[in-house]
Amino acid sequence: MMKKLYSWKSKAGQKDYLERLKKNNTESAIEYDKSKNFDLGDYIHHDKFGYGFILKVMNQTKVEVFFADVQRIMLQNWSNK
């Protein structure tokens, strides 16, 4: 299966994309957990920051997430072993 490609040229485009995701279905959001693996464009929910989406997969353990009020670098594939 081929992955979807996403491109956001501006903050307005990013905000519009997030608003469309929230409007269409908040139940489809993945609950954020640092042990999970995320893909570009995944729609997530974080307890503190709310709804957002994966803006950039930086490497195997970090993703950049776009939330309505802030962008954050978040962990992924993280284990407390």
PDB file of N, CA and C in Angstrom:
ATOM      1  N   MET A   1       0.836  -1.175   0.000  1.00  0.00           N
ATOM      2  CA  MET A   1       0.000   0.000   0.000  1.00  0.00           C
ATOM      3  C   MET A   1       0.886   1.245   0.000  1.00  0.00           C
ATOM      4  N   MET A   2       0.546   2.202  -0.803  1.00  0.00           N
ATOM      5  CA  MET A   2       1.324   3.432  -0.905  1.00  0.00           C
ATOM      6  C   MET A   2       0.866   4.439   0.149  1.00  0.00           C
ATOM      7  N   LYS A   3       1.814   5.076   0.806  1.00  0.00           N
ATOM      8  CA  LYS A   3       1.492   6.087   1.818  1.00  0.00           C
ATOM      9  C   LYS A   3       1.033   7.373   1.152  1.00  0.00           C
ATOM     10  N   LYS A   4       0.152   8.099   1.836  1.00  0.00           N
ATOM     11  CA  LYS A   4      -0.286   9.402   1.366  1.00  0.00           C
ATOM     12  C   LYS A   4       0.836  10.405   1.557  1.00  0.00           C
ATOM     13  N   LEU A   5       0.970  11.308   0.633  1.00  0.00           N
ATOM     14  CA  LEU A   5       1.950  12.382   0.764  1.00  0.00           C
ATOM     15  C   LEU A   5       1.215  13.657   1.146  1.00  0.00           C
ATOM     16  N   TYR A   6       1.751  14.372   2.092  1.00  0.00           N
ATOM     17  CA  TYR A   6       1.148  15.609   2.558  1.00  0.00           C
ATOM     18  C   TYR A   6       2.113  16.757   2.335  1.00  0.00           C
ATOM     19  N   SER A   7       1.564  17.908   2.034  1.00  0.00           N
ATOM     20  CA  SER A   7       2.381  19.097   1.874  1.00  0.00           C
ATOM     21  C   SER A   7       1.595  20.301   2.368  1.00  0.00           C
ATOM     22  N   TRP A   8       2.177  21.020   3.293  1.00  0.00           N
ATOM     23  CA  TRP A   8       1.548  22.228   3.803  1.00  0.00           C
ATOM     24  C   TRP A   8       2.497  23.381   3.537  1.00  0.00           C
ATOM     25  N   LYS A   9       2.067  24.310   2.730  1.00  0.00           N
ATOM     26  CA  LYS A   9       2.938  25.407   2.323  1.00  0.00           C
ATOM     27  C   LYS A   9       2.898  26.586   3.283  1.00  0.00           C
ATOM     28  N   SER A  10       1.902  26.604   4.180  1.00  0.00           N
ATOM     29  CA  SER A  10       1.796  27.746   5.082  1.00  0.00           C
ATOM     30  C   SER A  10       1.126  27.330   6.383  1.00  0.00           C
ATOM     31  N   LYS A  11       1.263  28.186   7.395  1.00  0.00           N
ATOM     32  CA  LYS A  11       0.570  27.961   8.672  1.00  0.00           C
ATOM     33  C   LYS A  11      -0.939  27.934   8.471  1.00  0.00           C
ATOM     34  N   ALA A  12      -1.441  28.774   7.578  1.00  0.00           N
ATOM     35  CA  ALA A  12      -2.885  28.798   7.310  1.00  0.00           C
ATOM     36  C   ALA A  12      -3.339  27.456   6.750  1.00  0.00           C
ATOM     37  N   GLY A  13      -2.544  26.871   5.875  1.00  0.00           N
ATOM     38  CA  GLY A  13      -2.857  25.553   5.328  1.00  0.00           C
ATOM     39  C   GLY A  13      -2.839  24.478   6.397  1.00  0.00           C
ATOM     40  N   GLN A  14      -1.882  24.588   7.317  1.00  0.00           N
ATOM     41  CA  GLN A  14      -1.793  23.630   8.419  1.00  0.00           C
ATOM     42  C   GLN A  14      -3.004  23.750   9.333  1.00  0.00           C
ATOM     43  N   LYS A  15      -3.376  24.984   9.666  1.00  0.00           N
ATOM     44  CA  LYS A  15      -4.547  25.200  10.526  1.00  0.00           C
ATOM     45  C   LYS A  15      -5.824  24.716   9.850  1.00  0.00           C
ATOM     46  N   ASP A  16      -5.952  24.973   8.555  1.00  0.00           N
ATOM     47  CA  ASP A  16      -7.116  24.519   7.804  1.00  0.00           C
ATOM     48  C   ASP A  16      -7.201  22.998   7.811  1.00  0.00           C
ATOM     49  N   TYR A  17      -6.075  22.327   7.591  1.00  0.00           N
ATOM     50  CA  TYR A  17      -6.039  20.861   7.605  1.00  0.00           C
ATOM     51  C   TYR A  17      -6.481  20.328   8.970  1.00  0.00           C
ATOM     52  N   LEU A  18      -5.961  20.918  10.053  1.00  0.00           N
ATOM     53  CA  LEU A  18      -6.326  20.489  11.399  1.00  0.00           C
ATOM     54  C   LEU A  18      -7.817  20.713  11.654  1.00  0.00           C
ATOM     55  N   GLU A  19      -8.343  21.847  11.231  1.00  0.00           N
ATOM     56  CA  GLU A  19      -9.774  22.125  11.418  1.00  0.00           C
ATOM     57  C   GLU A  19     -10.644  21.118  10.663  1.00  0.00           C
ATOM     58  N   ARG A  20     -10.224  20.747   9.453  1.00  0.00           N
ATOM     59  CA  ARG A  20     -10.987  19.742   8.696  1.00  0.00           C
ATOM     60  C   ARG A  20     -10.930  18.391   9.390  1.00  0.00           C
ATOM     61  N   LEU A  21      -9.788  18.020   9.950  1.00  0.00           N
ATOM     62  CA  LEU A  21      -9.680  16.760  10.689  1.00  0.00           C
ATOM     63  C   LEU A  21     -10.611  16.764  11.895  1.00  0.00           C
ATOM     64  N   LYS A  22     -10.592  17.854  12.668  1.00  0.00           N
ATOM     65  CA  LYS A  22     -11.431  17.946  13.866  1.00  0.00           C
ATOM     66  C   LYS A  22     -12.911  17.939  13.510  1.00  0.00           C
ATOM     67  N   LYS A  23     -13.270  18.608  12.439  1.00  0.00           N
ATOM     68  CA  LYS A  23     -14.671  18.691  12.020  1.00  0.00           C
ATOM     69  C   LYS A  23     -15.188  17.333  11.552  1.00  0.00           C
ATOM     70  N   ASN A  24     -14.356  16.585  10.836  1.00  0.00           N
ATOM     71  CA  ASN A  24     -14.786  15.324  10.251  1.00  0.00           C
ATOM     72  C   ASN A  24     -14.943  14.201  11.259  1.00  0.00           C
ATOM     73  N   ASN A  25     -14.063  14.118  12.263  1.00  0.00           N
ATOM     74  CA  ASN A  25     -14.193  12.997  13.180  1.00  0.00           C
ATOM     75  C   ASN A  25     -13.157  13.049  14.298  1.00  0.00           C
ATOM     76  N   THR A  26     -13.564  13.496  15.462  1.00  0.00           N
ATOM     77  CA  THR A  26     -12.629  13.521  16.588  1.00  0.00           C
ATOM     78  C   THR A  26     -12.386  12.121  17.142  1.00  0.00           C
ATOM     79  N   GLU A  27     -13.296  11.173  16.905  1.00  0.00           N
ATOM     80  CA  GLU A  27     -13.098   9.812  17.415  1.00  0.00           C
ATOM     81  C   GLU A  27     -11.976   9.072  16.703  1.00  0.00           C
ATOM     82  N   SER A  28     -11.611   9.518  15.495  1.00  0.00           N
ATOM     83  CA  SER A  28     -10.567   8.813  14.751  1.00  0.00           C
ATOM     84  C   SER A  28      -9.159   9.218  15.186  1.00  0.00           C
ATOM     85  N   ALA A  29      -9.041  10.181  16.070  1.00  0.00           N
ATOM     86  CA  ALA A  29      -7.722  10.625  16.538  1.00  0.00           C
ATOM     87  C   ALA A  29      -7.051   9.516  17.344  1.00  0.00           C
ATOM     88  N   ILE A  30      -5.768   9.340  17.122  1.00  0.00           N
ATOM     89  CA  ILE A  30      -4.957   8.370  17.863  1.00  0.00           C
ATOM     90  C   ILE A  30      -4.536   9.030  19.169  1.00  0.00           C
ATOM     91  N   GLU A  31      -4.757   8.359  20.281  1.00  0.00           N
ATOM     92  CA  GLU A  31      -4.294   8.897  21.568  1.00  0.00           C
ATOM     93  C   GLU A  31      -2.774   8.872  21.586  1.00  0.00           C
ATOM     94  N   TYR A  32      -2.165  10.008  21.883  1.00  0.00           N
ATOM     95  CA  TYR A  32      -0.705  10.093  21.901  1.00  0.00           C
ATOM     96  C   TYR A  32      -0.142   9.248  23.025  1.00  0.00           C
ATOM     97  N   ASP A  33       0.848   8.478  22.686  1.00  0.00           N
ATOM     98  CA  ASP A  33       1.624   7.680  23.641  1.00  0.00           C
ATOM     99  C   ASP A  33       3.031   7.625  23.064  1.00  0.00           C
ATOM    100  N   LYS A  34       4.017   7.997  23.861  1.00  0.00           N
ATOM    101  CA  LYS A  34       5.389   8.075  23.340  1.00  0.00           C
ATOM    102  C   LYS A  34       5.940   6.737  22.872  1.00  0.00           C
ATOM    103  N   SER A  35       5.293   5.629  23.242  1.00  0.00           N
ATOM    104  CA  SER A  35       5.768   4.321  22.802  1.00  0.00           C
ATOM    105  C   SER A  35       5.227   3.943  21.415  1.00  0.00           C
ATOM    106  N   LYS A  36       4.254   4.700  20.889  1.00  0.00           N
ATOM    107  CA  LYS A  36       3.670   4.398  19.576  1.00  0.00           C
ATOM    108  C   LYS A  36       4.541   4.939  18.448  1.00  0.00           C
ATOM    109  N   ASN A  37       4.305   4.389  17.251  1.00  0.00           N
ATOM    110  CA  ASN A  37       4.973   4.844  16.039  1.00  0.00           C
ATOM    111  C   ASN A  37       3.973   5.657  15.218  1.00  0.00           C
ATOM    112  N   PHE A  38       4.375   6.816  14.744  1.00  0.00           N
ATOM    113  CA  PHE A  38       3.487   7.698  13.996  1.00  0.00           C
ATOM    114  C   PHE A  38       3.995   7.921  12.580  1.00  0.00           C
ATOM    115  N   ASP A  39       3.065   8.230  11.679  1.00  0.00           N
ATOM    116  CA  ASP A  39       3.383   8.540  10.286  1.00  0.00           C
ATOM    117  C   ASP A  39       2.982   9.970   9.976  1.00  0.00           C
ATOM    118  N   LEU A  40       3.581  10.519   8.958  1.00  0.00           N
ATOM    119  CA  LEU A  40       3.263  11.858   8.484  1.00  0.00           C
ATOM    120  C   LEU A  40       1.765  11.986   8.254  1.00  0.00           C
ATOM    121  N   GLY A  41       1.166  13.039   8.818  1.00  0.00           N
ATOM    122  CA  GLY A  41      -0.257  13.289   8.634  1.00  0.00           C
ATOM    123  C   GLY A  41      -1.169  12.621   9.637  1.00  0.00           C
ATOM    124  N   ASP A  42      -0.644  11.719  10.491  1.00  0.00           N
ATOM    125  CA  ASP A  42      -1.494  11.059  11.488  1.00  0.00           C
ATOM    126  C   ASP A  42      -2.174  12.100  12.372  1.00  0.00           C
ATOM    127  N   TYR A  43      -3.434  11.875  12.652  1.00  0.00           N
ATOM    128  CA  TYR A  43      -4.268  12.753  13.477  1.00  0.00           C
ATOM    129  C   TYR A  43      -4.219  12.224  14.897  1.00  0.00           C
ATOM    130  N   ILE A  44      -3.760  13.045  15.847  1.00  0.00           N
ATOM    131  CA  ILE A  44      -3.573  12.564  17.220  1.00  0.00           C
ATOM    132  C   ILE A  44      -4.293  13.451  18.228  1.00  0.00           C
ATOM    133  N   HIS A  45      -4.425  12.905  19.432  1.00  0.00           N
ATOM    134  CA  HIS A  45      -4.959  13.678  20.560  1.00  0.00           C
ATOM    135  C   HIS A  45      -3.975  13.556  21.712  1.00  0.00           C
ATOM    136  N   HIS A  46      -3.608  14.691  22.289  1.00  0.00           N
ATOM    137  CA  HIS A  46      -2.707  14.742  23.438  1.00  0.00           C
ATOM    138  C   HIS A  46      -3.486  15.333  24.602  1.00  0.00           C
ATOM    139  N   ASP A  47      -3.335  14.761  25.791  1.00  0.00           N
ATOM    140  CA  ASP A  47      -4.084  15.227  26.960  1.00  0.00           C
ATOM    141  C   ASP A  47      -3.875  16.713  27.258  1.00  0.00           C
ATOM    142  N   LYS A  48      -2.665  17.215  27.089  1.00  0.00           N
ATOM    143  CA  LYS A  48      -2.372  18.606  27.422  1.00  0.00           C
ATOM    144  C   LYS A  48      -2.582  19.559  26.237  1.00  0.00           C
ATOM    145  N   PHE A  49      -2.158  19.155  25.039  1.00  0.00           N
ATOM    146  CA  PHE A  49      -2.152  20.056  23.889  1.00  0.00           C
ATOM    147  C   PHE A  49      -3.383  19.931  22.991  1.00  0.00           C
ATOM    148  N   GLY A  50      -4.185  18.904  23.182  1.00  0.00           N
ATOM    149  CA  GLY A  50      -5.397  18.732  22.386  1.00  0.00           C
ATOM    150  C   GLY A  50      -5.150  17.965  21.100  1.00  0.00           C
ATOM    151  N   TYR A  51      -5.905  18.329  20.049  1.00  0.00           N
ATOM    152  CA  TYR A  51      -5.809  17.634  18.765  1.00  0.00           C
ATOM    153  C   TYR A  51      -4.720  18.239  17.910  1.00  0.00           C
ATOM    154  N   GLY A  52      -4.052  17.371  17.157  1.00  0.00           N
ATOM    155  CA  GLY A  52      -2.999  17.811  16.272  1.00  0.00           C
ATOM    156  C   GLY A  52      -2.714  16.757  15.224  1.00  0.00           C
ATOM    157  N   PHE A  53      -1.717  17.016  14.411  1.00  0.00           N
ATOM    158  CA  PHE A  53      -1.316  16.027  13.414  1.00  0.00           C
ATOM    159  C   PHE A  53       0.198  16.036  13.270  1.00  0.00           C
ATOM    160  N   ILE A  54       0.718  14.916  12.773  1.00  0.00           N
ATOM    161  CA  ILE A  54       2.158  14.772  12.593  1.00  0.00           C
ATOM    162  C   ILE A  54       2.564  15.597  11.377  1.00  0.00           C
ATOM    163  N   LEU A  55       3.315  16.629  11.643  1.00  0.00           N
ATOM    164  CA  LEU A  55       3.775  17.547  10.611  1.00  0.00           C
ATOM    165  C   LEU A  55       5.041  17.024   9.940  1.00  0.00           C
ATOM    166  N   LYS A  56       5.893  16.367  10.737  1.00  0.00           N
ATOM    167  CA  LYS A  56       7.168  15.886  10.211  1.00  0.00           C
ATOM    168  C   LYS A  56       7.659  14.719  11.062  1.00  0.00           C
ATOM    169  N   VAL A  57       8.111  13.654  10.400  1.00  0.00           N
ATOM    170  CA  VAL A  57       8.784  12.560  11.091  1.00  0.00           C
ATOM    171  C   VAL A  57      10.263  12.902  11.035  1.00  0.00           C
ATOM    172  N   MET A  58      10.825  13.245  12.190  1.00  0.00           N
ATOM    173  CA  MET A  58      12.210  13.726  12.231  1.00  0.00           C
ATOM    174  C   MET A  58      13.207  12.577  12.169  1.00  0.00           C
ATOM    175  N   ASN A  59      12.935  11.541  12.936  1.00  0.00           N
ATOM    176  CA  ASN A  59      13.744  10.330  12.934  1.00  0.00           C
ATOM    177  C   ASN A  59      12.938   9.230  13.617  1.00  0.00           C
ATOM    178  N   GLN A  60      13.572   8.128  13.936  1.00  0.00           N
ATOM    179  CA  GLN A  60      12.851   6.974  14.495  1.00  0.00           C
ATOM    180  C   GLN A  60      12.238   7.278  15.868  1.00  0.00           C
ATOM    181  N   THR A  61      12.770   8.253  16.599  1.00  0.00           N
ATOM    182  CA  THR A  61      12.274   8.504  17.953  1.00  0.00           C
ATOM    183  C   THR A  61      11.644   9.884  18.155  1.00  0.00           C
ATOM    184  N   LYS A  62      11.573  10.711  17.103  1.00  0.00           N
ATOM    185  CA  LYS A  62      11.017  12.060  17.262  1.00  0.00           C
ATOM    186  C   LYS A  62      10.115  12.440  16.085  1.00  0.00           C
ATOM    187  N   VAL A  63       9.011  13.112  16.420  1.00  0.00           N
ATOM    188  CA  VAL A  63       8.113  13.667  15.408  1.00  0.00           C
ATOM    189  C   VAL A  63       7.795  15.108  15.770  1.00  0.00           C
ATOM    190  N   GLU A  64       7.499  15.912  14.765  1.00  0.00           N
ATOM    191  CA  GLU A  64       7.042  17.276  14.998  1.00  0.00           C
ATOM    192  C   GLU A  64       5.531  17.268  14.836  1.00  0.00           C
ATOM    193  N   VAL A  65       4.833  17.791  15.846  1.00  0.00           N
ATOM    194  CA  VAL A  65       3.372  17.762  15.854  1.00  0.00           C
ATOM    195  C   VAL A  65       2.836  19.181  15.785  1.00  0.00           C
ATOM    196  N   PHE A  66       1.847  19.390  14.918  1.00  0.00           N
ATOM    197  CA  PHE A  66       1.180  20.674  14.794  1.00  0.00           C
ATOM    198  C   PHE A  66      -0.105  20.621  15.608  1.00  0.00           C
ATOM    199  N   PHE A  67      -0.190  21.457  16.642  1.00  0.00           N
ATOM    200  CA  PHE A  67      -1.406  21.650  17.423  1.00  0.00           C
ATOM    201  C   PHE A  67      -1.927  23.045  17.083  1.00  0.00           C
ATOM    202  N   ALA A  68      -3.174  23.329  17.403  1.00  0.00           N
ATOM    203  CA  ALA A  68      -3.781  24.609  17.041  1.00  0.00           C
ATOM    204  C   ALA A  68      -2.978  25.803  17.550  1.00  0.00           C
ATOM    205  N   ASP A  69      -2.414  25.701  18.765  1.00  0.00           N
ATOM    206  CA  ASP A  69      -1.724  26.838  19.372  1.00  0.00           C
ATOM    207  C   ASP A  69      -0.203  26.744  19.385  1.00  0.00           C
ATOM    208  N   VAL A  70       0.327  25.562  19.067  1.00  0.00           N
ATOM    209  CA  VAL A  70       1.770  25.375  19.227  1.00  0.00           C
ATOM    210  C   VAL A  70       2.244  24.179  18.401  1.00  0.00           C
ATOM    211  N   GLN A  71       3.509  24.215  17.985  1.00  0.00           N
ATOM    212  CA  GLN A  71       4.153  23.054  17.386  1.00  0.00           C
ATOM    213  C   GLN A  71       5.092  22.493  18.432  1.00  0.00           C
ATOM    214  N   ARG A  72       5.132  21.162  18.518  1.00  0.00           N
ATOM    215  CA  ARG A  72       5.962  20.509  19.524  1.00  0.00           C
ATOM    216  C   ARG A  72       6.749  19.357  18.910  1.00  0.00           C
ATOM    217  N   ILE A  73       7.955  19.139  19.431  1.00  0.00           N
ATOM    218  CA  ILE A  73       8.727  17.936  19.119  1.00  0.00           C
ATOM    219  C   ILE A  73       8.303  16.914  20.173  1.00  0.00           C
ATOM    220  N   MET A  74       7.835  15.764  19.710  1.00  0.00           N
ATOM    221  CA  MET A  74       7.339  14.725  20.615  1.00  0.00           C
ATOM    222  C   MET A  74       8.106  13.429  20.356  1.00  0.00           C
ATOM    223  N   LEU A  75       8.115  12.579  21.366  1.00  0.00           N
ATOM    224  CA  LEU A  75       8.774  11.283  21.244  1.00  0.00           C
ATOM    225  C   LEU A  75       7.858  10.274  20.554  1.00  0.00           C
ATOM    226  N   GLN A  76       8.480   9.304  19.912  1.00  0.00           N
ATOM    227  CA  GLN A  76       7.766   8.145  19.372  1.00  0.00           C
ATOM    228  C   GLN A  76       8.686   6.944  19.504  1.00  0.00           C
ATOM    229  N   ASN A  77       8.102   5.746  19.470  1.00  0.00           N
ATOM    230  CA  ASN A  77       8.875   4.506  19.596  1.00  0.00           C
ATOM    231  C   ASN A  77       9.775   4.519  20.823  1.00  0.00           C
ATOM    232  N   TRP A  78       9.330   5.123  21.908  1.00  0.00           N
ATOM    233  CA  TRP A  78      10.137   5.299  23.106  1.00  0.00           C
ATOM    234  C   TRP A  78       9.779   4.266  24.146  1.00  0.00           C
ATOM    235  N   SER A  79      10.776   3.621  24.686  1.00  0.00           N
ATOM    236  CA  SER A  79      10.550   2.591  25.704  1.00  0.00           C
ATOM    237  C   SER A  79      11.231   3.001  26.996  1.00  0.00           C
ATOM    238  N   ASN A  80      10.595   2.665  28.113  1.00  0.00           N
ATOM    239  CA  ASN A  80      11.170   2.990  29.436  1.00  0.00           C
ATOM    240  C   ASN A  80      11.988   1.825  29.991  1.00  0.00           C
ATOM    241  N   LYS A  81      12.478   0.956  29.129  1.00  0.00           N
ATOM    242  CA  LYS A  81      13.250  -0.224  29.574  1.00  0.00           C
ATOM    243  C   LYS A  81      14.594   0.162  30.101  1.00  0.00           C
TER     244      LYS A  81
END
